[in-house]
Amino acid sequence: MKGNKSAEEVRVLDGDYLKDGIYMQIVKLDKPNAKEQLKEFITGMNPVAFELLFSNDSKKLDFELKEILDGHSLICYNTFVDTIT
């Protein structure tokens, strides 16, 4: 499963399904709270992967992601951002 709700919303709405499946959080890196959203999910849910959306590769956060996610989650960069934003 994947989605873009907060960690708390995912736990409440999908908690029963998470026992038997995996969840990938979608994070829009262009949003001001992207870093906090990543940290919230790592701490609260430790997802297998994050799907990361971005409009261009000039954001500083893109380069900080290795440190934030190292040892926690895989990254799925979605290069078709124009079709889903």
Foldseek 3Di string as FASTA:
>chain_A
DEDADALVVCCVPPVVVVVPDFYEYEAEPVDPCRLVRLLRCQVRPLGQEYEYEYPDDPDPVVVVVCVSPPPGYYYHYDPVNVVPD
